Amino acid sequence: MQNYPDLTKWFSPEVMDQLRSTESCVVSFSGGVDSAVVLKVISYLIGPAKVHAVTFSSWLHLKKEMDRTVGFTNQLGARHVIIKGPELSLEGVVFNHPDRCALCKEARIKELLRYAREHSLEKIYEGSNLDDLGDPTRLGTKLLKKYPRIYSPLAEAGLNKRKVRELAEEMEIAWWEEEATACLATRFPPFEKLEEEKLQIVGAMEDMIRENGLPQVRIRVYRDLACIEVPEKNIAQAIEKKEILVSLLQENGFSRIVLDLEGYSGGRSWFGSNPLNNNGGRK
């Protein structure tokens, strides 16, 4: 049986009115915690038959996140549609330009608008929370103001990351406490061509490190160098697991393995500019 808390504790009357009045909608569903909450809430309020969940298939993200979208939508009874990520055809995305996030977000927004129009769906929902809107590194999120038809109920309700996870736990979303993984392009330097195999290898390595007791990790890559980032509180633990980490990364082709002593911090860029020249321009 699906578990639904008293949503009026989490959403303002204005947001509840917006959601309850929905005749039909499309939800951008990545498989992350935020979009899972939005999908489950709206499916409960208006009925899953009126909800289309759109997942963008893209090797910029972990395969496990896309896999879980299938089971979750089946469980809810919402219609699930998988669409190839339109960003994969954009040079600015494939070559990891600094504005990649905005290019990707806009391409997906346009695809959601097209889908809603073709299927005569009234509203479009997505999962940005209050922290996302205030994060200056999330260039894609800033685009939401340009498209007023895209509605972010979590942000409109003033729910930050912590509150969204609390709500997800109450709603018994199985992965409510998983750390966000972010786009795999963030593991590579700006202006480096992104390749599916490389991104998926890095994602798989991060999963294996998490399975070895380090719940939040990033592996930043530059040629044959891999830099491991974990939160500052976990650095000593990572050092204790040195042999496991070195063996794992060497088996996947990296000859230089380093640990970032500053610790993982959301929003930090890898190199910050093109490491291949002094002024950050593309060669």
C-alpha atoms as a PDB file:
ATOM      1  CA  MET A   1       0.000   0.000   0.000  1.00  0.00           C
ATOM      2  CA  GLN A   2       1.253   3.470  -0.882  1.00  0.00           C
ATOM      3  CA  ASN A   3       1.982   5.715   2.087  1.00  0.00           C
ATOM      4  CA  TYR A   4       0.969   9.377   1.908  1.00  0.00           C
ATOM      5  CA  PRO A   5       1.486  11.812   4.790  1.00  0.00           C
ATOM      6  CA  ASP A   6      -0.667  14.875   5.401  1.00  0.00           C
ATOM      7  CA  LEU A   7       0.584  16.962   2.492  1.00  0.00           C
ATOM      8  CA  THR A   8      -0.819  20.181   3.933  1.00  0.00           C
ATOM      9  CA  LYS A   9       2.021  20.053   6.470  1.00  0.00           C
ATOM     10  CA  TRP A  10       4.499  20.319   3.639  1.00  0.00           C
ATOM     11  CA  PHE A  11       2.810  22.423   0.967  1.00  0.00           C
ATOM     12  CA  SER A  12       1.183  25.838   1.315  1.00  0.00           C
ATOM     13  CA  PRO A  13      -2.526  26.249   0.453  1.00  0.00           C
ATOM     14  CA  GLU A  14      -1.511  28.007  -2.773  1.00  0.00           C
ATOM     15  CA  VAL A  15       0.688  25.123  -3.904  1.00  0.00           C
ATOM     16  CA  MET A  16      -1.919  22.545  -2.875  1.00  0.00           C
ATOM     17  CA  ASP A  17      -4.550  24.411  -4.903  1.00  0.00           C
ATOM     18  CA  GLN A  18      -2.227  24.449  -7.914  1.00  0.00           C
ATOM     19  CA  LEU A  19      -1.621  20.714  -7.673  1.00  0.00           C
ATOM     20  CA  ARG A  20      -5.196  19.666  -6.897  1.00  0.00           C
ATOM     21  CA  SER A  21      -6.597  21.705  -9.788  1.00  0.00           C
ATOM     22  CA  THR A  22      -4.390  19.891 -12.312  1.00  0.00           C
ATOM     23  CA  GLU A  23      -6.433  18.198 -15.029  1.00  0.00           C
ATOM     24  CA  SER A  24      -3.451  16.419 -16.555  1.00  0.00           C
ATOM     25  CA  CYS A  25       0.298  16.832 -16.452  1.00  0.00           C
ATOM     26  CA  VAL A  26       3.755  15.678 -17.420  1.00  0.00           C
ATOM     27  CA  VAL A  27       6.417  15.254 -14.735  1.00  0.00           C
ATOM     28  CA  SER A  28      10.108  15.344 -15.556  1.00  0.00           C
ATOM     29  CA  PHE A  29      11.246  12.230 -13.684  1.00  0.00           C
ATOM     30  CA  SER A  30      14.982  11.534 -13.404  1.00  0.00           C
ATOM     31  CA  GLY A  31      14.862   8.850 -10.737  1.00  0.00           C
ATOM     32  CA  GLY A  32      16.298  11.189  -8.105  1.00  0.00           C
ATOM     33  CA  VAL A  33      14.684  11.909  -4.741  1.00  0.00           C
ATOM     34  CA  ASP A  34      13.194  15.289  -5.675  1.00  0.00           C
ATOM     35  CA  SER A  35      11.427  14.277  -8.866  1.00  0.00           C
ATOM     36  CA  ALA A  36      10.238  11.048  -7.219  1.00  0.00           C
ATOM     37  CA  VAL A  37       8.513  13.107  -4.516  1.00  0.00           C
ATOM     38  CA  VAL A  38       6.840  15.343  -7.100  1.00  0.00           C
ATOM     39  CA  LEU A  39       5.661  12.362  -9.133  1.00  0.00           C
ATOM     40  CA  LYS A  40       4.275  10.513  -6.132  1.00  0.00           C
ATOM     41  CA  VAL A  41       2.512  13.606  -4.745  1.00  0.00           C
ATOM     42  CA  ILE A  42       0.796  14.572  -7.984  1.00  0.00           C
ATOM     43  CA  SER A  43      -0.152  10.937  -8.754  1.00  0.00           C
ATOM     44  CA  TYR A  44      -1.853  10.749  -5.366  1.00  0.00           C
ATOM     45  CA  LEU A  45      -3.659  14.089  -5.672  1.00  0.00           C
ATOM     46  CA  ILE A  46      -5.104  13.757  -9.174  1.00  0.00           C
ATOM     47  CA  GLY A  47      -4.768  10.031  -9.875  1.00  0.00           C
ATOM     48  CA  PRO A  48      -1.944   8.321 -11.818  1.00  0.00           C
ATOM     49  CA  ALA A  49      -4.030   7.957 -14.982  1.00  0.00           C
ATOM     50  CA  LYS A  50      -3.720  11.717 -15.541  1.00  0.00           C
ATOM     51  CA  VAL A  51       0.056  11.742 -15.079  1.00  0.00           C
ATOM     52  CA  HIS A  52       2.763  11.194 -17.689  1.00  0.00           C
ATOM     53  CA  ALA A  53       6.269  10.686 -16.270  1.00  0.00           C
ATOM     54  CA  VAL A  54       8.984  11.541 -18.790  1.00  0.00           C
ATOM     55  CA  THR A  55      12.481  10.184 -18.221  1.00  0.00           C
ATOM     56  CA  PHE A  56      15.336  11.331 -20.425  1.00  0.00           C
ATOM     57  CA  SER A  57      17.637   8.467 -21.388  1.00  0.00           C
ATOM     58  CA  SER A  58      21.177   9.812 -21.255  1.00  0.00           C
ATOM     59  CA  TRP A  59      24.618   8.389 -20.528  1.00  0.00           C
ATOM     60  CA  LEU A  60      25.343  11.609 -18.639  1.00  0.00           C
ATOM     61  CA  HIS A  61      23.606   9.947 -15.688  1.00  0.00           C
ATOM     62  CA  LEU A  62      23.987   6.743 -13.727  1.00  0.00           C
ATOM     63  CA  LYS A  63      22.207   3.787 -15.303  1.00  0.00           C
ATOM     64  CA  LYS A  64      20.779   2.675 -11.949  1.00  0.00           C
ATOM     65  CA  GLU A  65      18.789   5.922 -11.660  1.00  0.00           C
ATOM     66  CA  MET A  66      17.081   5.329 -14.969  1.00  0.00           C
ATOM     67  CA  ASP A  67      16.471   1.681 -14.155  1.00  0.00           C
ATOM     68  CA  ARG A  68      14.652   2.585 -10.951  1.00  0.00           C
ATOM     69  CA  THR A  69      12.264   4.921 -12.802  1.00  0.00           C
ATOM     70  CA  VAL A  70      10.620   1.925 -14.474  1.00  0.00           C
ATOM     71  CA  GLY A  71       9.744   0.103 -11.264  1.00  0.00           C
ATOM     72  CA  PHE A  72       8.644   3.270  -9.493  1.00  0.00           C
ATOM     73  CA  THR A  73       6.226   4.395 -12.212  1.00  0.00           C
ATOM     74  CA  ASN A  74       4.825   0.876 -12.467  1.00  0.00           C
ATOM     75  CA  GLN A  75       4.262   0.882  -8.723  1.00  0.00           C
ATOM     76  CA  LEU A  76       2.417   4.202  -8.904  1.00  0.00           C
ATOM     77  CA  GLY A  77       0.462   3.355 -12.038  1.00  0.00           C
ATOM     78  CA  ALA A  78       1.565   6.490 -13.890  1.00  0.00           C
ATOM     79  CA  ARG A  79       2.304   6.391 -17.601  1.00  0.00           C
ATOM     80  CA  HIS A  80       6.064   6.238 -18.147  1.00  0.00           C
ATOM     81  CA  VAL A  81       7.737   7.522 -21.292  1.00  0.00           C
ATOM     82  CA  ILE A  82      11.473   7.280 -21.968  1.00  0.00           C
ATOM     83  CA  ILE A  83      12.870   9.832 -24.410  1.00  0.00           C
ATOM     84  CA  LYS A  84      16.444  10.065 -25.645  1.00  0.00           C
ATOM     85  CA  GLY A  85      18.106  13.051 -23.999  1.00  0.00           C
ATOM     86  CA  PRO A  86      18.081  15.873 -26.575  1.00  0.00           C
ATOM     87  CA  GLU A  87      21.279  17.282 -25.051  1.00  0.00           C
ATOM     88  CA  LEU A  88      23.324  14.429 -26.517  1.00  0.00           C
ATOM     89  CA  SER A  89      23.121  16.065 -29.947  1.00  0.00           C
ATOM     90  CA  LEU A  90      24.415  19.446 -28.728  1.00  0.00           C
ATOM     91  CA  GLU A  91      28.095  20.232 -29.298  1.00  0.00           C
ATOM     92  CA  GLY A  92      28.206  22.479 -26.241  1.00  0.00           C
ATOM     93  CA  VAL A  93      27.151  19.550 -24.080  1.00  0.00           C
ATOM     94  CA  VAL A  94      29.244  16.840 -25.718  1.00  0.00           C
ATOM     95  CA  PHE A  95      32.366  19.032 -25.493  1.00  0.00           C
ATOM     96  CA  ASN A  96      31.620  19.909 -21.855  1.00  0.00           C
ATOM     97  CA  HIS A  97      31.405  23.669 -22.282  1.00  0.00           C
ATOM     98  CA  PRO A  98      31.088  25.711 -19.070  1.00  0.00           C
ATOM     99  CA  ASP A  99      27.462  26.484 -19.977  1.00  0.00           C
ATOM    100  CA  ARG A 100      26.686  22.796 -20.587  1.00  0.00           C
ATOM    101  CA  CYS A 101      24.157  22.629 -17.759  1.00  0.00           C
ATOM    102  CA  ALA A 102      22.069  25.492 -19.152  1.00  0.00           C
ATOM    103  CA  LEU A 103      22.164  24.054 -22.683  1.00  0.00           C
ATOM    104  CA  CYS A 104      21.053  20.661 -21.413  1.00  0.00           C
ATOM    105  CA  LYS A 105      18.282  22.059 -19.220  1.00  0.00           C
ATOM    106  CA  GLU A 106      16.851  24.210 -21.999  1.00  0.00           C
ATOM    107  CA  ALA A 107      16.906  21.343 -24.505  1.00  0.00           C
ATOM    108  CA  ARG A 108      14.986  19.173 -22.046  1.00  0.00           C
ATOM    109  CA  ILE A 109      12.518  21.930 -21.193  1.00  0.00           C
ATOM    110  CA  LYS A 110      11.719  22.367 -24.886  1.00  0.00           C
ATOM    111  CA  GLU A 111      11.216  18.615 -25.208  1.00  0.00           C
ATOM    112  CA  LEU A 112       8.823  18.624 -22.228  1.00  0.00           C
ATOM    113  CA  LEU A 113       6.885  21.516 -23.779  1.00  0.00           C
ATOM    114  CA  ARG A 114       6.686  19.628 -27.077  1.00  0.00           C
ATOM    115  CA  TYR A 115       5.519  16.457 -25.355  1.00  0.00           C
ATOM    116  CA  ALA A 116       2.866  18.301 -23.341  1.00  0.00           C
ATOM    117  CA  ARG A 117       1.603  20.024 -26.475  1.00  0.00           C
ATOM    118  CA  GLU A 118       1.422  16.829 -28.532  1.00  0.00           C
ATOM    119  CA  HIS A 119      -0.447  14.962 -25.780  1.00  0.00           C
ATOM    120  CA  SER A 120      -2.671  17.891 -24.762  1.00  0.00           C
ATOM    121  CA  LEU A 121      -1.371  17.887 -21.186  1.00  0.00           C
ATOM    122  CA  GLU A 122      -2.268  20.912 -19.117  1.00  0.00           C
ATOM    123  CA  LYS A 123       0.724  21.350 -16.805  1.00  0.00           C
ATOM    124  CA  ILE A 124       4.421  20.530 -16.562  1.00  0.00           C
ATOM    125  CA  TYR A 125       6.126  19.779 -13.244  1.00  0.00           C
ATOM    126  CA  GLU A 126       9.777  19.331 -12.331  1.00  0.00           C
ATOM    127  CA  GLY A 127      11.698  18.649  -9.134  1.00  0.00           C
ATOM    128  CA  SER A 128      13.908  21.650  -8.320  1.00  0.00           C
ATOM    129  CA  ASN A 129      13.924  22.435  -4.605  1.00  0.00           C
ATOM    130  CA  LEU A 130      14.572  25.722  -2.783  1.00  0.00           C
ATOM    131  CA  ASP A 131      18.316  25.069  -2.435  1.00  0.00           C
ATOM    132  CA  ASP A 132      18.606  24.411  -6.170  1.00  0.00           C
ATOM    133  CA  LEU A 133      17.111  27.799  -7.026  1.00  0.00           C
ATOM    134  CA  GLY A 134      19.606  29.532  -4.758  1.00  0.00           C
ATOM    135  CA  ASP A 135      22.664  27.640  -6.039  1.00  0.00           C
ATOM    136  CA  PRO A 136      24.680  29.911  -8.406  1.00  0.00           C
ATOM    137  CA  THR A 137      26.446  26.890  -9.936  1.00  0.00           C
ATOM    138  CA  ARG A 138      23.174  25.439 -11.261  1.00  0.00           C
ATOM    139  CA  LEU A 139      23.041  27.350 -14.524  1.00  0.00           C
ATOM    140  CA  GLY A 140      20.189  25.220 -15.829  1.00  0.00           C
ATOM    141  CA  THR A 141      17.921  26.005 -12.892  1.00  0.00           C
ATOM    142  CA  LYS A 142      18.135  29.730 -13.644  1.00  0.00           C
ATOM    143  CA  LEU A 143      16.386  29.052 -16.958  1.00  0.00           C
ATOM    144  CA  LEU A 144      13.145  28.134 -15.190  1.00  0.00           C
ATOM    145  CA  LYS A 145      12.203  31.824 -14.933  1.00  0.00           C
ATOM    146  CA  LYS A 146      12.325  31.971 -18.733  1.00  0.00           C
ATOM    147  CA  TYR A 147       9.669  29.241 -18.987  1.00  0.00           C
ATOM    148  CA  PRO A 148       6.785  30.105 -16.628  1.00  0.00           C
ATOM    149  CA  ARG A 149       4.819  27.064 -17.742  1.00  0.00           C
ATOM    150  CA  ILE A 150       7.352  24.826 -15.969  1.00  0.00           C
ATOM    151  CA  TYR A 151       6.264  24.592 -12.324  1.00  0.00           C
ATOM    152  CA  SER A 152       8.526  23.521  -9.430  1.00  0.00           C
ATOM    153  CA  PRO A 153       6.197  22.618  -6.526  1.00  0.00           C
ATOM    154  CA  LEU A 154       8.995  21.789  -4.066  1.00  0.00           C
ATOM    155  CA  ALA A 155      10.700  25.148  -4.526  1.00  0.00           C
ATOM    156  CA  GLU A 156       7.361  26.985  -4.513  1.00  0.00           C
ATOM    157  CA  ALA A 157       6.564  25.303  -1.186  1.00  0.00           C
ATOM    158  CA  GLY A 158       9.900  26.464   0.258  1.00  0.00           C
ATOM    159  CA  LEU A 159      11.216  22.915   0.691  1.00  0.00           C
ATOM    160  CA  ASN A 160      15.007  22.647   0.785  1.00  0.00           C
ATOM    161  CA  LYS A 161      17.018  19.455   0.254  1.00  0.00           C
ATOM    162  CA  ARG A 162      16.721  18.365   3.877  1.00  0.00           C
ATOM    163  CA  LYS A 163      12.955  18.881   3.982  1.00  0.00           C
ATOM    164  CA  VAL A 164      12.457  17.047   0.688  1.00  0.00           C
ATOM    165  CA  ARG A 165      14.333  14.045   2.069  1.00  0.00           C
ATOM    166  CA  GLU A 166      12.206  14.105   5.218  1.00  0.00           C
ATOM    167  CA  LEU A 167       9.076  14.102   3.070  1.00  0.00           C
ATOM    168  CA  ALA A 168      10.502  11.320   0.877  1.00  0.00           C
ATOM    169  CA  GLU A 169      11.130   9.223   3.984  1.00  0.00           C
ATOM    170  CA  GLU A 170       7.531   9.750   5.139  1.00  0.00           C
ATOM    171  CA  MET A 171       6.346   8.736   1.675  1.00  0.00           C
ATOM    172  CA  GLU A 172       8.493   5.583   1.868  1.00  0.00           C
ATOM    173  CA  ILE A 173      10.521   6.322  -1.232  1.00  0.00           C
ATOM    174  CA  ALA A 174      13.191   3.640  -0.965  1.00  0.00           C
ATOM    175  CA  TRP A 175      16.174   5.824  -1.904  1.00  0.00           C
ATOM    176  CA  TRP A 176      15.172   8.836   0.223  1.00  0.00           C
ATOM    177  CA  GLU A 177      18.560   9.076   1.963  1.00  0.00           C
ATOM    178  CA  GLU A 178      20.803   8.440  -1.038  1.00  0.00           C
ATOM    179  CA  GLU A 179      23.225  11.245  -1.766  1.00  0.00           C
ATOM    180  CA  ALA A 180      22.638  13.137  -5.009  1.00  0.00           C
ATOM    181  CA  THR A 181      25.001  12.010  -7.754  1.00  0.00           C
ATOM    182  CA  ALA A 182      24.822  14.917 -10.238  1.00  0.00           C
ATOM    183  CA  CYS A 183      25.544  14.798 -13.954  1.00  0.00           C
ATOM    184  CA  LEU A 184      28.593  12.646 -14.744  1.00  0.00           C
ATOM    185  CA  ALA A 185      29.975  15.404 -16.987  1.00  0.00           C
ATOM    186  CA  THR A 186      31.030  17.202 -13.780  1.00  0.00           C
ATOM    187  CA  ARG A 187      33.751  14.570 -13.319  1.00  0.00           C
ATOM    188  CA  PHE A 188      35.640  15.791 -16.379  1.00  0.00           C
ATOM    189  CA  PRO A 189      37.467  19.051 -17.212  1.00  0.00           C
ATOM    190  CA  PRO A 190      35.774  21.758 -19.264  1.00  0.00           C
ATOM    191  CA  PHE A 191      36.134  21.419 -23.044  1.00  0.00           C
ATOM    192  CA  GLU A 192      36.962  17.709 -22.881  1.00  0.00           C
ATOM    193  CA  LYS A 193      34.850  15.616 -25.243  1.00  0.00           C
ATOM    194  CA  LEU A 194      32.522  13.423 -23.230  1.00  0.00           C
ATOM    195  CA  GLU A 195      32.308   9.765 -24.182  1.00  0.00           C
ATOM    196  CA  GLU A 196      29.699   7.314 -22.971  1.00  0.00           C
ATOM    197  CA  GLU A 197      32.097   4.535 -21.970  1.00  0.00           C
ATOM    198  CA  LYS A 198      34.323   6.843 -19.897  1.00  0.00           C
ATOM    199  CA  LEU A 199      31.402   8.419 -18.054  1.00  0.00           C
ATOM    200  CA  GLN A 200      29.774   5.112 -17.249  1.00  0.00           C
ATOM    201  CA  ILE A 201      33.088   3.660 -15.981  1.00  0.00           C
ATOM    202  CA  VAL A 202      33.487   6.596 -13.595  1.00  0.00           C
ATOM    203  CA  GLY A 203      29.888   6.228 -12.431  1.00  0.00           C
ATOM    204  CA  ALA A 204      30.372   2.501 -11.822  1.00  0.00           C
ATOM    205  CA  MET A 205      33.568   3.139  -9.850  1.00  0.00           C
ATOM    206  CA  GLU A 206      31.767   5.639  -7.635  1.00  0.00           C
ATOM    207  CA  ASP A 207      29.055   3.059  -6.992  1.00  0.00           C
ATOM    208  CA  MET A 208      31.674   0.497  -5.969  1.00  0.00           C
ATOM    209  CA  ILE A 209      33.324   2.979  -3.605  1.00  0.00           C
ATOM    210  CA  ARG A 210      29.938   3.702  -2.019  1.00  0.00           C
ATOM    211  CA  GLU A 211      29.457  -0.037  -1.557  1.00  0.00           C
ATOM    212  CA  ASN A 212      32.766  -0.029   0.328  1.00  0.00           C
ATOM    213  CA  GLY A 213      31.440   2.295   3.000  1.00  0.00           C
ATOM    214  CA  LEU A 214      31.968   5.813   1.611  1.00  0.00           C
ATOM    215  CA  PRO A 215      28.404   7.030   0.950  1.00  0.00           C
ATOM    216  CA  GLN A 216      29.295  10.271  -0.838  1.00  0.00           C
ATOM    217  CA  VAL A 217      32.077  10.327  -3.407  1.00  0.00           C
ATOM    218  CA  ARG A 218      33.156  12.014  -6.622  1.00  0.00           C
ATOM    219  CA  ILE A 219      35.918  10.837  -8.942  1.00  0.00           C
ATOM    220  CA  ARG A 220      37.329  13.713 -10.968  1.00  0.00           C
ATOM    221  CA  VAL A 221      39.256  12.629 -14.049  1.00  0.00           C
ATOM    222  CA  TYR A 222      42.077  14.194 -16.043  1.00  0.00           C
ATOM    223  CA  ARG A 223      43.749  11.919 -18.591  1.00  0.00           C
ATOM    224  CA  ASP A 224      45.155   8.999 -16.536  1.00  0.00           C
ATOM    225  CA  LEU A 225      44.744  10.799 -13.214  1.00  0.00           C
ATOM    226  CA  ALA A 226      41.788  10.163 -10.918  1.00  0.00           C
ATOM    227  CA  CYS A 227      41.120  12.484  -7.983  1.00  0.00           C
ATOM    228  CA  ILE A 228      38.864  11.085  -5.255  1.00  0.00           C
ATOM    229  CA  GLU A 229      36.676  13.535  -3.363  1.00  0.00           C
ATOM    230  CA  VAL A 230      34.816  12.577  -0.188  1.00  0.00           C
ATOM    231  CA  PRO A 231      33.376  14.852   2.521  1.00  0.00           C
ATOM    232  CA  GLU A 232      36.030  16.125   4.919  1.00  0.00           C
ATOM    233  CA  LYS A 233      34.640  13.950   7.726  1.00  0.00           C
ATOM    234  CA  ASN A 234      35.322  10.828   5.603  1.00  0.00           C
ATOM    235  CA  ILE A 235      38.908  11.613   4.513  1.00  0.00           C
ATOM    236  CA  ALA A 236      40.495   9.520   7.281  1.00  0.00           C
ATOM    237  CA  GLN A 237      38.187   6.637   6.359  1.00  0.00           C
ATOM    238  CA  ALA A 238      39.218   6.946   2.692  1.00  0.00           C
ATOM    239  CA  ILE A 239      42.885   6.795   3.676  1.00  0.00           C
ATOM    240  CA  GLU A 240      42.189   3.616   5.646  1.00  0.00           C
ATOM    241  CA  LYS A 241      40.694   2.125   2.475  1.00  0.00           C
ATOM    242  CA  LYS A 242      43.657   3.209   0.342  1.00  0.00           C
ATOM    243  CA  GLU A 243      44.491  -0.253  -0.989  1.00  0.00           C
ATOM    244  CA  ILE A 244      40.913  -0.909  -2.088  1.00  0.00           C
ATOM    245  CA  LEU A 245      40.587   2.492  -3.778  1.00  0.00           C
ATOM    246  CA  VAL A 246      43.950   2.309  -5.547  1.00  0.00           C
ATOM    247  CA  SER A 247      43.281  -1.218  -6.785  1.00  0.00           C
ATOM    248  CA  LEU A 248      39.820  -0.291  -8.078  1.00  0.00           C
ATOM    249  CA  LEU A 249      40.985   2.750 -10.016  1.00  0.00           C
ATOM    250  CA  GLN A 250      44.111   1.091 -11.387  1.00  0.00           C
ATOM    251  CA  GLU A 251      41.998  -1.788 -12.698  1.00  0.00           C
ATOM    252  CA  ASN A 252      40.016   0.806 -14.651  1.00  0.00           C
ATOM    253  CA  GLY A 253      43.039   2.357 -16.350  1.00  0.00           C
ATOM    254  CA  PHE A 254      44.155   5.141 -14.003  1.00  0.00           C
ATOM    255  CA  SER A 255      47.864   5.276 -13.167  1.00  0.00           C
ATOM    256  CA  ARG A 256      47.805   8.294 -10.855  1.00  0.00           C
ATOM    257  CA  ILE A 257      45.338   8.284  -7.959  1.00  0.00           C
ATOM    258  CA  VAL A 258      45.056  11.214  -5.561  1.00  0.00           C
ATOM    259  CA  LEU A 259      42.791  12.173  -2.662  1.00  0.00           C
ATOM    260  CA  ASP A 260      41.481  15.742  -2.401  1.00  0.00           C
ATOM    261  CA  LEU A 261      42.397  16.881   1.117  1.00  0.00           C
ATOM    262  CA  GLU A 262      39.962  19.806   0.963  1.00  0.00           C
ATOM    263  CA  GLY A 263      37.099  17.336   0.845  1.00  0.00           C
ATOM    264  CA  TYR A 264      34.007  17.187  -1.337  1.00  0.00           C
ATOM    265  CA  SER A 265      31.959  20.370  -1.590  1.00  0.00           C
ATOM    266  CA  GLY A 266      28.941  20.807  -3.846  1.00  0.00           C
ATOM    267  CA  GLY A 267      29.403  23.280  -6.672  1.00  0.00           C
ATOM    268  CA  ARG A 268      33.185  23.089  -6.921  1.00  0.00           C
ATOM    269  CA  SER A 269      34.383  22.879 -10.497  1.00  0.00           C
ATOM    270  CA  TRP A 270      37.019  20.433 -11.697  1.00  0.00           C
ATOM    271  CA  PHE A 271      39.987  22.641 -12.685  1.00  0.00           C
ATOM    272  CA  GLY A 272      37.609  25.605 -13.180  1.00  0.00           C
ATOM    273  CA  SER A 273      38.987  26.331 -16.642  1.00  0.00           C
ATOM    274  CA  ASN A 274      40.659  24.421 -19.423  1.00  0.00           C
ATOM    275  CA  PRO A 275      43.734  22.761 -17.860  1.00  0.00           C
ATOM    276  CA  LEU A 276      45.371  22.549 -21.288  1.00  0.00           C
ATOM    277  CA  ASN A 277      46.141  26.275 -21.569  1.00  0.00           C
ATOM    278  CA  ASN A 278      46.513  29.332 -19.401  1.00  0.00           C
ATOM    279  CA  ASN A 279      43.470  31.389 -20.309  1.00  0.00           C
ATOM    280  CA  GLY A 280      40.760  28.732 -20.195  1.00  0.00           C
ATOM    281  CA  GLY A 281      39.987  28.949 -23.916  1.00  0.00           C
ATOM    282  CA  ARG A 282      39.407  25.879 -26.015  1.00  0.00           C
ATOM    283  CA  LYS A 283      42.242  24.673 -28.254  1.00  0.00           C
END
